[in-house]
Structure formats: C-alpha cells, structure tokens
Amino acid sequence: STHICSHCSREFARSEHLSRHERTHTKEKPYQCLVCCRTFSRSDLLRRHEKKEH
C-alpha cells in the first residue's frame, strides 16, 4: 500500500520513509550528538556528523 504525506501529498512505498519525510515539515530533530548537542532529523545524518566532526 502507498503512504501519503498529509502535508504535501507526496507518496511513499514504506511507512518509515513517510515518517522520515514528515520531519521536513515538522522540523522535528530527535537525534542529538552527545558531544556537541547538535540535533538532526535523521539518524544517518547524526552518524555522518559524528564520524566527520568528532
């Protein structure tokens, strides 16, 4: 089944992709770097930051 964003009607095949996308509208950033406290909307972006910056 297709998952549709309630904000912009974009369609996603997987619910987790919709959840990730919806954070672009809500500005939610639930992932935080424990070293510098910077926050990220996606766990992969946090991991990339940690590898690059710390």
C-alpha atoms as a PDB file:
ATOM      1  CA  SER A   1       0.000   0.000   0.000  1.00  0.00           C
ATOM      2  CA  THR A   2       1.032   3.592  -0.521  1.00  0.00           C
ATOM      3  CA  HIS A   3       1.707   6.003   2.337  1.00  0.00           C
ATOM      4  CA  ILE A   4       0.807   9.630   1.623  1.00  0.00           C
ATOM      5  CA  CYS A   5       2.130  12.743   3.350  1.00  0.00           C
ATOM      6  CA  SER A   6      -0.712  14.736   4.892  1.00  0.00           C
ATOM      7  CA  HIS A   7       1.226  17.975   4.342  1.00  0.00           C
ATOM      8  CA  CYS A   8       2.176  17.769   0.661  1.00  0.00           C
ATOM      9  CA  SER A   9       0.573  14.560  -0.683  1.00  0.00           C
ATOM     10  CA  ARG A  10       3.913  13.011  -1.626  1.00  0.00           C
ATOM     11  CA  GLU A  11       3.673   9.223  -1.831  1.00  0.00           C
ATOM     12  CA  PHE A  12       5.966   6.660  -0.222  1.00  0.00           C
ATOM     13  CA  ALA A  13       6.080   2.887  -0.523  1.00  0.00           C
ATOM     14  CA  ARG A  14       7.273   2.419   3.065  1.00  0.00           C
ATOM     15  CA  SER A  15       5.835   3.918   6.243  1.00  0.00           C
ATOM     16  CA  GLU A  16       9.292   4.613   7.668  1.00  0.00           C
ATOM     17  CA  HIS A  17      10.129   6.729   4.616  1.00  0.00           C
ATOM     18  CA  LEU A  18       6.945   8.728   5.152  1.00  0.00           C
ATOM     19  CA  SER A  19       7.833   9.219   8.827  1.00  0.00           C
ATOM     20  CA  ARG A  20      11.307  10.428   7.875  1.00  0.00           C
ATOM     21  CA  HIS A  21       9.872  12.758   5.229  1.00  0.00           C
ATOM     22  CA  GLU A  22       7.243  14.249   7.557  1.00  0.00           C
ATOM     23  CA  ARG A  23      10.024  15.613   9.770  1.00  0.00           C
ATOM     24  CA  THR A  24      10.882  18.004   6.916  1.00  0.00           C
ATOM     25  CA  HIS A  25       7.522  19.655   7.577  1.00  0.00           C
ATOM     26  CA  THR A  26       7.502  19.499  11.391  1.00  0.00           C
ATOM     27  CA  LYS A  27      11.188  20.453  11.790  1.00  0.00           C
ATOM     28  CA  GLU A  28      11.471  17.705  14.411  1.00  0.00           C
ATOM     29  CA  LYS A  29      15.079  16.700  15.123  1.00  0.00           C
ATOM     30  CA  PRO A  30      15.010  13.755  17.524  1.00  0.00           C
ATOM     31  CA  TYR A  31      18.655  12.680  17.113  1.00  0.00           C
ATOM     32  CA  GLN A  32      21.244  14.568  19.167  1.00  0.00           C
ATOM     33  CA  CYS A  33      25.019  14.457  19.176  1.00  0.00           C
ATOM     34  CA  LEU A  34      26.226  13.636  22.680  1.00  0.00           C
ATOM     35  CA  VAL A  35      29.453  15.587  22.153  1.00  0.00           C
ATOM     36  CA  CYS A  36      28.233  18.975  20.877  1.00  0.00           C
ATOM     37  CA  CYS A  37      24.432  18.694  21.318  1.00  0.00           C
ATOM     38  CA  ARG A  38      23.664  19.456  17.684  1.00  0.00           C
ATOM     39  CA  THR A  39      20.381  17.879  16.587  1.00  0.00           C
ATOM     40  CA  PHE A  40      19.420  16.038  13.400  1.00  0.00           C
ATOM     41  CA  SER A  41      16.227  14.873  11.763  1.00  0.00           C
ATOM     42  CA  ARG A  42      17.732  11.537  10.694  1.00  0.00           C
ATOM     43  CA  SER A  43      19.944   9.019  12.445  1.00  0.00           C
ATOM     44  CA  ASP A  44      22.196   8.609   9.395  1.00  0.00           C
ATOM     45  CA  LEU A  45      22.900  12.356   9.394  1.00  0.00           C
ATOM     46  CA  LEU A  46      23.863  12.183  13.062  1.00  0.00           C
ATOM     47  CA  ARG A  47      26.204   9.244  12.382  1.00  0.00           C
ATOM     48  CA  ARG A  48      27.823  11.110   9.473  1.00  0.00           C
ATOM     49  CA  HIS A  49      28.297  14.180  11.671  1.00  0.00           C
ATOM     50  CA  GLU A  50      29.862  12.125  14.463  1.00  0.00           C
ATOM     51  CA  LYS A  51      32.331  10.479  12.090  1.00  0.00           C
ATOM     52  CA  LYS A  52      33.258  13.735  10.367  1.00  0.00           C
ATOM     53  CA  GLU A  53      33.346  16.152  13.311  1.00  0.00           C
ATOM     54  CA  HIS A  54      34.372  14.123  16.335  1.00  0.00           C
END
